[in-house]
Amino acid sequence: MKSRRMINNHAWEQRKLGEVLKSQSINIDFNPVKFAKYEVIQQGNEPIAGYSNNAPFRNYEQIVLFGDHTLSLYKPKSPFLVASDGVKAYFLDNVNGNYFYHLLSFNLPKNEGYKRYSSILKDKDIKLTYNKKEEDKISVLLDNLDTLITLHQRKCDK
């Protein structure tokens, strides 16, 4: 199903995520160490499993990492490796990686216990724009909101 809606003269599309989602193979390091050059990412609440000096994935800008069993998301900010094949590296062609991260975070499947969620995620109907200015503004706004929420949460915790 493909539909378009005009907002400020820019088309937004409604699509099944699986129609536009791309995946990328990433080197796996099963034995991360405490000190090395590159992050090794795992799924779950603590995304950094350790570090590695093995060959990392360098084109991280558009990539969002999805924990297929845990529904966790992580947006890499530098070259990295993954700790298992349960961490899926996804991207959308010609789409800002931070915008894509937020798009996925708003469209995560409901937790149904331990299972693989990739097929459920790919079946989601999403609305997206391919307008770079809109993507950038949306990602900056949502990044700022995330930062404010984190700061307020820390304040409440104290």
N, C-alpha and C. Protein backbone atom coordinates (compact mmCIF):
# COMPACT_ATOMS: atom_id res chain seq x y z
N MET A 1 0.84 -1.16 0.00
CA MET A 1 0.00 0.00 0.00
C MET A 1 0.90 1.24 0.00
N LYS A 2 0.68 2.12 -0.95
CA LYS A 2 1.50 3.31 -1.06
C LYS A 2 0.56 4.50 -1.19
N SER A 3 0.66 5.45 -0.26
CA SER A 3 -0.14 6.66 -0.37
C SER A 3 0.75 7.85 -0.10
N ARG A 4 0.36 9.00 -0.63
CA ARG A 4 1.11 10.24 -0.44
C ARG A 4 0.22 11.28 0.21
N ARG A 5 0.81 12.07 1.09
CA ARG A 5 0.11 13.18 1.71
C ARG A 5 1.03 14.39 1.63
N MET A 6 0.52 15.52 1.18
CA MET A 6 1.33 16.71 1.05
C MET A 6 1.32 17.51 2.34
N ILE A 7 2.50 17.85 2.84
CA ILE A 7 2.66 18.73 3.98
C ILE A 7 3.70 19.75 3.58
N ASN A 8 3.32 21.03 3.59
CA ASN A 8 4.23 22.10 3.19
C ASN A 8 4.87 21.82 1.82
N ASN A 9 4.07 21.35 0.88
CA ASN A 9 4.54 21.07 -0.49
C ASN A 9 5.54 19.92 -0.59
N HIS A 10 5.69 19.12 0.43
CA HIS A 10 6.59 17.98 0.38
C HIS A 10 5.78 16.70 0.59
N ALA A 11 5.98 15.73 -0.25
CA ALA A 11 5.22 14.49 -0.17
C ALA A 11 5.71 13.60 0.97
N TRP A 12 4.80 13.09 1.73
CA TRP A 12 5.07 12.04 2.72
C TRP A 12 4.48 10.77 2.14
N GLU A 13 5.15 9.65 2.37
CA GLU A 13 4.67 8.38 1.85
C GLU A 13 4.31 7.44 2.99
N GLN A 14 3.24 6.69 2.79
CA GLN A 14 2.91 5.60 3.70
C GLN A 14 3.27 4.31 3.00
N ARG A 15 4.11 3.52 3.64
CA ARG A 15 4.59 2.27 3.05
C ARG A 15 4.70 1.21 4.14
N LYS A 16 4.79 -0.03 3.73
CA LYS A 16 5.21 -1.09 4.63
C LYS A 16 6.71 -0.91 4.82
N LEU A 17 7.18 -0.97 6.05
CA LEU A 17 8.60 -0.77 6.30
C LEU A 17 9.43 -1.77 5.51
N GLY A 18 8.97 -2.99 5.41
CA GLY A 18 9.71 -4.02 4.67
C GLY A 18 9.90 -3.71 3.20
N GLU A 19 9.07 -2.83 2.62
CA GLU A 19 9.21 -2.45 1.22
C GLU A 19 10.42 -1.56 0.98
N VAL A 20 10.83 -0.80 2.01
CA VAL A 20 11.91 0.17 1.83
C VAL A 20 13.13 -0.12 2.70
N LEU A 21 12.99 -1.02 3.66
CA LEU A 21 14.06 -1.33 4.60
C LEU A 21 15.19 -2.11 3.92
N LYS A 22 16.40 -1.71 4.21
CA LYS A 22 17.60 -2.40 3.71
C LYS A 22 18.37 -2.92 4.91
N SER A 23 19.09 -4.02 4.73
CA SER A 23 19.92 -4.55 5.82
C SER A 23 21.37 -4.60 5.37
N GLN A 24 22.25 -4.61 6.34
CA GLN A 24 23.68 -4.59 6.08
C GLN A 24 24.35 -5.65 6.95
N SER A 25 25.26 -6.42 6.38
CA SER A 25 26.04 -7.38 7.15
C SER A 25 27.14 -6.63 7.88
N ILE A 26 27.34 -6.97 9.15
CA ILE A 26 28.34 -6.33 10.00
C ILE A 26 29.23 -7.41 10.59
N ASN A 27 30.53 -7.14 10.67
CA ASN A 27 31.45 -8.09 11.29
C ASN A 27 31.06 -8.33 12.75
N ILE A 28 31.14 -9.60 13.15
CA ILE A 28 30.81 -9.99 14.52
C ILE A 28 32.10 -10.24 15.29
N ASP A 29 32.15 -9.74 16.50
CA ASP A 29 33.26 -10.04 17.41
C ASP A 29 32.64 -10.70 18.64
N PHE A 30 32.85 -12.01 18.77
CA PHE A 30 32.26 -12.76 19.88
C PHE A 30 33.02 -12.58 21.18
N ASN A 31 34.21 -11.98 21.12
CA ASN A 31 35.06 -11.84 22.32
C ASN A 31 35.54 -10.41 22.51
N PRO A 32 34.60 -9.46 22.76
CA PRO A 32 35.05 -8.09 22.97
C PRO A 32 35.90 -7.98 24.25
N VAL A 33 36.76 -6.99 24.26
CA VAL A 33 37.65 -6.75 25.41
C VAL A 33 37.31 -5.41 26.04
N LYS A 34 37.95 -5.13 27.17
CA LYS A 34 37.66 -3.91 27.92
C LYS A 34 38.22 -2.66 27.25
N PHE A 35 39.38 -2.79 26.62
CA PHE A 35 40.03 -1.63 25.99
C PHE A 35 40.47 -1.98 24.58
N ALA A 36 39.95 -1.24 23.60
CA ALA A 36 40.35 -1.37 22.20
C ALA A 36 39.75 -0.18 21.46
N LYS A 37 39.88 -0.17 20.16
CA LYS A 37 39.54 1.03 19.39
C LYS A 37 38.05 1.17 19.04
N TYR A 38 37.36 0.05 18.74
CA TYR A 38 36.00 0.13 18.21
C TYR A 38 34.98 -0.50 19.16
N GLU A 39 33.79 0.14 19.23
CA GLU A 39 32.70 -0.42 20.04
C GLU A 39 32.21 -1.72 19.43
N VAL A 40 31.85 -2.65 20.32
CA VAL A 40 31.16 -3.88 19.93
C VAL A 40 29.77 -3.77 20.54
N ILE A 41 28.76 -3.75 19.69
CA ILE A 41 27.38 -3.49 20.11
C ILE A 41 26.61 -4.79 20.26
N GLN A 42 25.87 -4.88 21.37
CA GLN A 42 24.98 -6.01 21.63
C GLN A 42 23.55 -5.48 21.76
N GLN A 43 22.58 -6.37 21.73
CA GLN A 43 21.21 -5.95 21.94
C GLN A 43 20.91 -5.88 23.43
N GLY A 44 19.92 -5.09 23.79
CA GLY A 44 19.52 -4.95 25.18
C GLY A 44 19.75 -3.55 25.72
N ASN A 45 19.57 -3.41 27.04
CA ASN A 45 19.66 -2.10 27.69
C ASN A 45 21.08 -1.56 27.79
N GLU A 46 22.07 -2.42 27.78
CA GLU A 46 23.48 -2.02 27.83
C GLU A 46 24.10 -2.33 26.47
N PRO A 47 24.04 -1.39 25.53
CA PRO A 47 24.43 -1.71 24.15
C PRO A 47 25.92 -1.97 23.93
N ILE A 48 26.79 -1.42 24.76
CA ILE A 48 28.23 -1.61 24.54
C ILE A 48 28.68 -2.89 25.25
N ALA A 49 28.99 -3.92 24.46
CA ALA A 49 29.44 -5.19 25.03
C ALA A 49 30.92 -5.14 25.38
N GLY A 50 31.64 -4.23 24.75
CA GLY A 50 33.08 -4.10 24.94
C GLY A 50 33.66 -3.44 23.70
N TYR A 51 34.94 -3.74 23.45
CA TYR A 51 35.64 -3.08 22.35
C TYR A 51 36.48 -4.10 21.59
N SER A 52 36.89 -3.70 20.38
CA SER A 52 37.64 -4.61 19.53
C SER A 52 38.60 -3.81 18.63
N ASN A 53 39.66 -4.46 18.23
CA ASN A 53 40.56 -3.88 17.24
C ASN A 53 40.38 -4.55 15.87
N ASN A 54 39.38 -5.45 15.75
CA ASN A 54 39.09 -6.08 14.47
C ASN A 54 38.51 -5.06 13.50
N ALA A 55 38.40 -5.44 12.23
CA ALA A 55 37.90 -4.53 11.19
C ALA A 55 36.45 -4.15 11.46
N PRO A 56 36.18 -2.85 11.65
CA PRO A 56 34.83 -2.41 11.96
C PRO A 56 34.02 -2.11 10.70
N PHE A 57 32.74 -1.89 10.90
CA PHE A 57 31.87 -1.36 9.85
C PHE A 57 32.00 0.16 9.91
N ARG A 58 32.39 0.78 8.82
CA ARG A 58 32.73 2.21 8.82
C ARG A 58 31.61 3.14 8.34
N ASN A 59 30.68 2.65 7.55
CA ASN A 59 29.62 3.51 7.01
C ASN A 59 28.41 3.52 7.93
N TYR A 60 28.60 4.02 9.12
CA TYR A 60 27.61 3.94 10.19
C TYR A 60 26.54 5.04 10.14
N GLU A 61 26.71 6.09 9.34
CA GLU A 61 25.85 7.26 9.42
C GLU A 61 24.36 6.95 9.24
N GLN A 62 24.01 6.08 8.31
CA GLN A 62 22.60 5.77 8.05
C GLN A 62 22.11 4.56 8.85
N ILE A 63 22.99 3.83 9.48
CA ILE A 63 22.65 2.57 10.12
C ILE A 63 21.97 2.76 11.47
N VAL A 64 20.96 1.94 11.73
CA VAL A 64 20.35 1.81 13.05
C VAL A 64 20.40 0.33 13.39
N LEU A 65 20.84 0.02 14.60
CA LEU A 65 20.94 -1.37 15.04
C LEU A 65 19.69 -1.75 15.81
N PHE A 66 19.13 -2.90 15.45
CA PHE A 66 17.88 -3.39 16.03
C PHE A 66 18.14 -4.72 16.71
N GLY A 67 17.82 -4.82 17.99
CA GLY A 67 17.92 -6.08 18.73
C GLY A 67 16.72 -6.94 18.39
N ASP A 68 16.93 -7.95 17.58
CA ASP A 68 15.84 -8.77 17.05
C ASP A 68 15.07 -9.51 18.13
N HIS A 69 15.70 -9.80 19.26
CA HIS A 69 15.01 -10.49 20.36
C HIS A 69 14.55 -9.53 21.44
N THR A 70 15.20 -8.38 21.57
CA THR A 70 14.97 -7.48 22.71
C THR A 70 14.24 -6.20 22.34
N LEU A 71 14.01 -5.95 21.06
CA LEU A 71 13.39 -4.72 20.57
C LEU A 71 14.20 -3.48 20.94
N SER A 72 15.49 -3.65 21.14
CA SER A 72 16.34 -2.51 21.46
C SER A 72 16.81 -1.84 20.18
N LEU A 73 17.04 -0.53 20.26
CA LEU A 73 17.57 0.24 19.14
C LEU A 73 18.84 0.94 19.59
N TYR A 74 19.77 1.09 18.66
CA TYR A 74 21.01 1.81 18.94
C TYR A 74 21.46 2.50 17.67
N LYS A 75 21.80 3.78 17.79
CA LYS A 75 22.30 4.55 16.65
C LYS A 75 23.79 4.73 16.82
N PRO A 76 24.63 4.00 16.06
CA PRO A 76 26.08 4.15 16.18
C PRO A 76 26.53 5.55 15.77
N LYS A 77 27.56 6.01 16.46
CA LYS A 77 28.11 7.34 16.18
C LYS A 77 29.55 7.26 15.67
N SER A 78 30.04 6.06 15.49
CA SER A 78 31.41 5.84 15.01
C SER A 78 31.49 4.41 14.48
N PRO A 79 32.61 4.05 13.80
CA PRO A 79 32.77 2.68 13.30
C PRO A 79 32.60 1.67 14.44
N PHE A 80 32.05 0.49 14.13
CA PHE A 80 31.68 -0.47 15.18
C PHE A 80 31.66 -1.90 14.63
N LEU A 81 31.50 -2.85 15.56
CA LEU A 81 31.23 -4.26 15.26
C LEU A 81 30.01 -4.65 16.09
N VAL A 82 29.47 -5.84 15.85
CA VAL A 82 28.37 -6.33 16.68
C VAL A 82 28.80 -7.58 17.42
N ALA A 83 28.06 -7.90 18.49
CA ALA A 83 28.42 -9.02 19.35
C ALA A 83 27.71 -10.32 18.96
N SER A 84 26.66 -10.24 18.13
CA SER A 84 25.94 -11.46 17.74
C SER A 84 25.13 -11.21 16.49
N ASP A 85 24.63 -12.31 15.91
CA ASP A 85 23.81 -12.16 14.71
C ASP A 85 22.40 -11.71 15.04
N GLY A 86 22.04 -11.59 16.32
CA GLY A 86 20.73 -11.09 16.73
C GLY A 86 20.62 -9.58 16.61
N VAL A 87 21.75 -8.91 16.37
CA VAL A 87 21.74 -7.47 16.17
C VAL A 87 21.65 -7.23 14.66
N LYS A 88 20.55 -6.65 14.23
CA LYS A 88 20.32 -6.40 12.81
C LYS A 88 20.69 -4.95 12.49
N ALA A 89 21.42 -4.75 11.41
CA ALA A 89 21.81 -3.41 10.96
C ALA A 89 20.89 -3.02 9.81
N TYR A 90 20.05 -2.02 10.04
CA TYR A 90 19.09 -1.58 9.05
C TYR A 90 19.36 -0.14 8.62
N PHE A 91 18.91 0.20 7.41
CA PHE A 91 18.97 1.57 6.93
C PHE A 91 17.93 1.75 5.84
N LEU A 92 17.67 3.00 5.50
CA LEU A 92 16.82 3.36 4.37
C LEU A 92 17.68 4.16 3.40
N ASP A 93 17.59 3.86 2.12
CA ASP A 93 18.34 4.62 1.12
C ASP A 93 17.99 6.10 1.21
N ASN A 94 19.02 6.94 1.17
CA ASN A 94 18.86 8.39 1.10
C ASN A 94 18.05 8.97 2.25
N VAL A 95 18.14 8.36 3.43
CA VAL A 95 17.42 8.86 4.61
C VAL A 95 18.41 9.08 5.74
N ASN A 96 18.28 10.21 6.41
CA ASN A 96 19.09 10.57 7.57
C ASN A 96 19.00 9.47 8.63
N GLY A 97 20.14 8.99 9.12
CA GLY A 97 20.16 7.90 10.10
C GLY A 97 19.48 8.24 11.41
N ASN A 98 19.60 9.50 11.88
CA ASN A 98 18.93 9.88 13.13
C ASN A 98 17.42 9.92 12.94
N TYR A 99 16.97 10.42 11.79
CA TYR A 99 15.54 10.42 11.48
C TYR A 99 15.03 8.98 11.44
N PHE A 100 15.79 8.09 10.81
CA PHE A 100 15.40 6.68 10.72
C PHE A 100 15.33 6.04 12.10
N TYR A 101 16.29 6.38 12.98
CA TYR A 101 16.27 5.87 14.36
C TYR A 101 14.94 6.24 15.04
N HIS A 102 14.54 7.50 14.93
CA HIS A 102 13.29 7.93 15.57
C HIS A 102 12.08 7.30 14.90
N LEU A 103 12.12 7.15 13.59
CA LEU A 103 11.04 6.49 12.87
C LEU A 103 10.85 5.07 13.40
N LEU A 104 11.96 4.33 13.57
CA LEU A 104 11.86 2.98 14.12
C LEU A 104 11.37 2.99 15.56
N SER A 105 11.86 3.93 16.36
CA SER A 105 11.48 3.95 17.78
C SER A 105 9.97 4.16 17.95
N PHE A 106 9.36 4.92 17.04
CA PHE A 106 7.91 5.14 17.12
C PHE A 106 7.12 3.99 16.52
N ASN A 107 7.77 3.07 15.86
CA ASN A 107 7.08 1.97 15.18
C ASN A 107 7.52 0.59 15.64
N LEU A 108 8.12 0.51 16.81
CA LEU A 108 8.55 -0.80 17.32
C LEU A 108 7.34 -1.69 17.60
N PRO A 109 7.46 -2.97 17.33
CA PRO A 109 6.37 -3.91 17.68
C PRO A 109 6.19 -3.99 19.19
N LYS A 110 5.04 -4.47 19.61
CA LYS A 110 4.80 -4.72 21.03
C LYS A 110 5.59 -5.94 21.46
N ASN A 111 6.10 -5.89 22.67
CA ASN A 111 6.87 -7.00 23.22
C ASN A 111 5.95 -8.19 23.48
N GLU A 112 6.30 -9.33 22.91
CA GLU A 112 5.53 -10.57 23.09
C GLU A 112 6.40 -11.66 23.69
N GLY A 113 7.44 -11.26 24.44
CA GLY A 113 8.35 -12.24 25.00
C GLY A 113 9.50 -12.51 24.05
N TYR A 114 10.27 -13.53 24.35
CA TYR A 114 11.47 -13.84 23.57
C TYR A 114 11.09 -14.44 22.22
N LYS A 115 11.34 -13.70 21.15
CA LYS A 115 11.09 -14.16 19.79
C LYS A 115 11.84 -13.25 18.84
N ARG A 116 11.85 -13.57 17.57
CA ARG A 116 12.43 -12.70 16.55
C ARG A 116 11.35 -11.72 16.09
N TYR A 117 11.70 -10.43 16.09
CA TYR A 117 10.73 -9.39 15.78
C TYR A 117 10.92 -8.75 14.41
N SER A 118 11.95 -9.12 13.68
CA SER A 118 12.22 -8.47 12.39
C SER A 118 11.05 -8.54 11.43
N SER A 119 10.41 -9.70 11.31
CA SER A 119 9.31 -9.82 10.36
C SER A 119 8.11 -8.98 10.80
N ILE A 120 7.88 -8.87 12.10
CA ILE A 120 6.78 -8.03 12.61
C ILE A 120 7.10 -6.56 12.31
N LEU A 121 8.36 -6.16 12.54
CA LEU A 121 8.79 -4.79 12.27
C LEU A 121 8.60 -4.45 10.79
N LYS A 122 9.01 -5.36 9.93
CA LYS A 122 8.93 -5.12 8.48
C LYS A 122 7.49 -5.01 7.99
N ASP A 123 6.53 -5.54 8.73
CA ASP A 123 5.13 -5.49 8.33
C ASP A 123 4.44 -4.20 8.79
N LYS A 124 5.13 -3.35 9.53
CA LYS A 124 4.57 -2.11 10.04
C LYS A 124 4.32 -1.11 8.91
N ASP A 125 3.20 -0.41 8.98
CA ASP A 125 2.93 0.71 8.09
C ASP A 125 3.61 1.94 8.67
N ILE A 126 4.43 2.60 7.87
CA ILE A 126 5.13 3.80 8.33
C ILE A 126 4.82 4.96 7.41
N LYS A 127 5.01 6.15 7.94
CA LYS A 127 4.91 7.37 7.14
C LYS A 127 6.28 8.01 7.17
N LEU A 128 6.81 8.34 5.98
CA LEU A 128 8.12 8.94 5.94
C LEU A 128 8.22 10.00 4.86
N THR A 129 9.19 10.87 5.06
CA THR A 129 9.48 11.90 4.08
C THR A 129 10.89 11.66 3.55
N TYR A 130 11.11 12.02 2.33
CA TYR A 130 12.45 11.96 1.76
C TYR A 130 13.02 13.37 1.60
N ASN A 131 12.40 14.33 2.28
CA ASN A 131 12.86 15.71 2.24
C ASN A 131 13.93 15.88 3.32
N LYS A 132 15.17 16.13 2.90
CA LYS A 132 16.31 16.20 3.83
C LYS A 132 16.11 17.27 4.90
N LYS A 133 15.58 18.42 4.53
CA LYS A 133 15.38 19.49 5.53
C LYS A 133 14.39 19.05 6.60
N GLU A 134 13.29 18.43 6.19
CA GLU A 134 12.32 17.93 7.17
C GLU A 134 12.93 16.84 8.04
N GLU A 135 13.64 15.90 7.43
CA GLU A 135 14.30 14.84 8.20
C GLU A 135 15.22 15.43 9.25
N ASP A 136 16.05 16.40 8.84
CA ASP A 136 17.00 17.01 9.77
C ASP A 136 16.29 17.73 10.91
N LYS A 137 15.25 18.50 10.59
CA LYS A 137 14.50 19.23 11.63
C LYS A 137 13.82 18.27 12.60
N ILE A 138 13.21 17.22 12.06
CA ILE A 138 12.53 16.24 12.90
C ILE A 138 13.53 15.55 13.82
N SER A 139 14.69 15.14 13.26
CA SER A 139 15.68 14.44 14.10
C SER A 139 16.25 15.34 15.18
N VAL A 140 16.53 16.61 14.86
CA VAL A 140 17.06 17.54 15.86
C VAL A 140 16.03 17.75 16.96
N LEU A 141 14.78 17.97 16.58
CA LEU A 141 13.71 18.16 17.57
C LEU A 141 13.60 16.95 18.50
N LEU A 142 13.55 15.76 17.93
CA LEU A 142 13.39 14.55 18.75
C LEU A 142 14.64 14.26 19.57
N ASP A 143 15.83 14.53 19.03
CA ASP A 143 17.07 14.38 19.82
C ASP A 143 17.04 15.32 21.02
N ASN A 144 16.62 16.58 20.79
CA ASN A 144 16.54 17.54 21.90
C ASN A 144 15.52 17.11 22.95
N LEU A 145 14.38 16.58 22.51
CA LEU A 145 13.38 16.08 23.46
C LEU A 145 13.94 14.92 24.27
N ASP A 146 14.64 13.99 23.62
CA ASP A 146 15.26 12.88 24.34
C ASP A 146 16.24 13.37 25.39
N THR A 147 17.04 14.37 25.03
CA THR A 147 18.02 14.94 25.97
C THR A 147 17.31 15.59 27.15
N LEU A 148 16.26 16.37 26.88
CA LEU A 148 15.51 17.01 27.97
C LEU A 148 14.87 15.98 28.89
N ILE A 149 14.30 14.95 28.32
CA ILE A 149 13.67 13.90 29.14
C ILE A 149 14.72 13.23 30.02
N THR A 150 15.88 12.93 29.45
CA THR A 150 16.96 12.31 30.22
C THR A 150 17.41 13.21 31.36
N LEU A 151 17.59 14.50 31.08
CA LEU A 151 18.01 15.44 32.12
C LEU A 151 16.97 15.55 33.24
N HIS A 152 15.70 15.63 32.86
CA HIS A 152 14.64 15.70 33.87
C HIS A 152 14.54 14.41 34.68
N GLN A 153 14.74 13.28 34.01
CA GLN A 153 14.71 11.99 34.73
C GLN A 153 15.83 11.92 35.75
N ARG A 154 17.02 12.36 35.36
CA ARG A 154 18.16 12.36 36.30
C ARG A 154 17.86 13.28 37.49
N LYS A 155 17.27 14.42 37.21
CA LYS A 155 16.92 15.37 38.27
C LYS A 155 15.92 14.73 39.23
N CYS A 156 14.92 14.05 38.69
CA CYS A 156 13.92 13.38 39.53
C CYS A 156 14.57 12.25 40.35
N ASP A 157 15.51 11.55 39.75
CA ASP A 157 16.18 10.45 40.46
C ASP A 157 16.98 10.95 41.66
N LYS A 158 17.52 12.18 41.54
CA LYS A 158 18.29 12.75 42.66
C LYS A 158 17.37 13.20 43.75
